[in-house]
Amino acid sequence: MKFTAVYKKSGKWYSGWVEEIPGINTQGKTLAEVKSNLREAISLVLETNRFLNKQSGKVVREIVTV
């Protein structure tokens, strides 16, 4: 999967977020740290969503292309 990461330096800190997925944001002291944190945050959110959806009971799933 590919997402658009946005990074911003504010004072001594960097912040980062994903344009396509609201709520995935992080910060770090270096750009490398915030990039690593953002990858981890994306993975955790996707893993959690998959886990929660497995508990949804009978549902219909399909691939959506935009």
C-alpha atoms as a PDB file:
ATOM      1  CA  MET A   1       0.000   0.000   0.000  1.00  0.00           C
ATOM      2  CA  LYS A   2       1.115   3.526  -0.640  1.00  0.00           C
ATOM      3  CA  PHE A   3       0.098   6.590   1.339  1.00  0.00           C
ATOM      4  CA  THR A   4       1.133  10.235   1.333  1.00  0.00           C
ATOM      5  CA  ALA A   5       3.156  11.194   4.388  1.00  0.00           C
ATOM      6  CA  VAL A   6       3.421  14.866   5.317  1.00  0.00           C
ATOM      7  CA  TYR A   7       6.193  16.148   7.578  1.00  0.00           C
ATOM      8  CA  LYS A   8       6.539  19.506   9.272  1.00  0.00           C
ATOM      9  CA  LYS A   9       9.278  20.903  11.509  1.00  0.00           C
ATOM     10  CA  SER A  10       8.038  22.990  14.400  1.00  0.00           C
ATOM     11  CA  GLY A  11      10.786  24.281  16.650  1.00  0.00           C
ATOM     12  CA  LYS A  12      12.992  21.353  17.651  1.00  0.00           C
ATOM     13  CA  TRP A  13      10.349  18.717  16.838  1.00  0.00           C
ATOM     14  CA  TYR A  14       9.029  17.134  13.667  1.00  0.00           C
ATOM     15  CA  SER A  15       5.444  16.056  13.209  1.00  0.00           C
ATOM     16  CA  GLY A  16       4.082  13.730  10.575  1.00  0.00           C
ATOM     17  CA  TRP A  17       0.702  12.524   9.389  1.00  0.00           C
ATOM     18  CA  VAL A  18      -0.939  10.590   6.563  1.00  0.00           C
ATOM     19  CA  GLU A  19      -3.144  12.586   4.198  1.00  0.00           C
ATOM     20  CA  GLU A  20      -5.389   9.655   3.293  1.00  0.00           C
ATOM     21  CA  ILE A  21      -6.094   8.310   6.785  1.00  0.00           C
ATOM     22  CA  PRO A  22      -7.390  10.705   9.447  1.00  0.00           C
ATOM     23  CA  GLY A  23      -6.020  10.161  12.930  1.00  0.00           C
ATOM     24  CA  ILE A  24      -2.626   8.759  11.977  1.00  0.00           C
ATOM     25  CA  ASN A  25      -0.108  11.296  13.202  1.00  0.00           C
ATOM     26  CA  THR A  26       3.058  11.278  15.242  1.00  0.00           C
ATOM     27  CA  GLN A  27       6.066  13.329  16.258  1.00  0.00           C
ATOM     28  CA  GLY A  28       9.783  12.882  16.837  1.00  0.00           C
ATOM     29  CA  LYS A  29      12.991  14.716  17.549  1.00  0.00           C
ATOM     30  CA  THR A  30      14.403  13.863  14.105  1.00  0.00           C
ATOM     31  CA  LEU A  31      12.877  13.359  10.680  1.00  0.00           C
ATOM     32  CA  ALA A  32      14.089   9.755  10.705  1.00  0.00           C
ATOM     33  CA  GLU A  33      12.357   9.156  14.040  1.00  0.00           C
ATOM     34  CA  VAL A  34       9.044  10.607  12.892  1.00  0.00           C
ATOM     35  CA  LYS A  35       9.190   8.552   9.673  1.00  0.00           C
ATOM     36  CA  SER A  36       9.731   5.375  11.680  1.00  0.00           C
ATOM     37  CA  ASN A  37       6.955   6.309  14.119  1.00  0.00           C
ATOM     38  CA  LEU A  38       4.578   7.001  11.233  1.00  0.00           C
ATOM     39  CA  ARG A  39       5.216   3.611   9.610  1.00  0.00           C
ATOM     40  CA  GLU A  40       4.533   1.935  12.951  1.00  0.00           C
ATOM     41  CA  ALA A  41       1.349   3.969  13.489  1.00  0.00           C
ATOM     42  CA  ILE A  42       0.021   3.007  10.034  1.00  0.00           C
ATOM     43  CA  SER A  43       0.731  -0.677  10.700  1.00  0.00           C
ATOM     44  CA  LEU A  44      -0.954  -0.589  14.110  1.00  0.00           C
ATOM     45  CA  VAL A  45      -4.084   1.167  12.815  1.00  0.00           C
ATOM     46  CA  LEU A  46      -4.462  -1.258   9.892  1.00  0.00           C
ATOM     47  CA  GLU A  47      -3.886  -4.271  12.148  1.00  0.00           C
ATOM     48  CA  THR A  48      -6.436  -2.992  14.678  1.00  0.00           C
ATOM     49  CA  ASN A  49      -9.027  -2.279  11.976  1.00  0.00           C
ATOM     50  CA  ARG A  50      -8.624  -5.780  10.540  1.00  0.00           C
ATOM     51  CA  PHE A  51      -8.997  -7.320  14.003  1.00  0.00           C
ATOM     52  CA  LEU A  52     -12.114  -5.283  14.796  1.00  0.00           C
ATOM     53  CA  ASN A  53     -13.677  -6.088  11.428  1.00  0.00           C
ATOM     54  CA  LYS A  54     -13.205  -9.824  11.984  1.00  0.00           C
ATOM     55  CA  GLN A  55     -15.496  -9.455  15.001  1.00  0.00           C
ATOM     56  CA  SER A  56     -18.218  -7.735  12.944  1.00  0.00           C
ATOM     57  CA  GLY A  57     -19.996 -10.963  12.114  1.00  0.00           C
ATOM     58  CA  LYS A  58     -21.228 -11.759   8.634  1.00  0.00           C
ATOM     59  CA  VAL A  59     -20.293  -8.979   6.218  1.00  0.00           C
ATOM     60  CA  VAL A  60     -19.632  -8.496   2.522  1.00  0.00           C
ATOM     61  CA  ARG A  61     -16.106  -7.491   1.538  1.00  0.00           C
ATOM     62  CA  GLU A  62     -14.855  -6.283  -1.825  1.00  0.00           C
ATOM     63  CA  ILE A  63     -11.850  -4.480  -3.267  1.00  0.00           C
ATOM     64  CA  VAL A  64     -12.565  -0.866  -4.168  1.00  0.00           C
ATOM     65  CA  THR A  65     -10.412   0.922  -6.720  1.00  0.00           C
ATOM     66  CA  VAL A  66     -10.494   4.694  -6.924  1.00  0.00           C
END
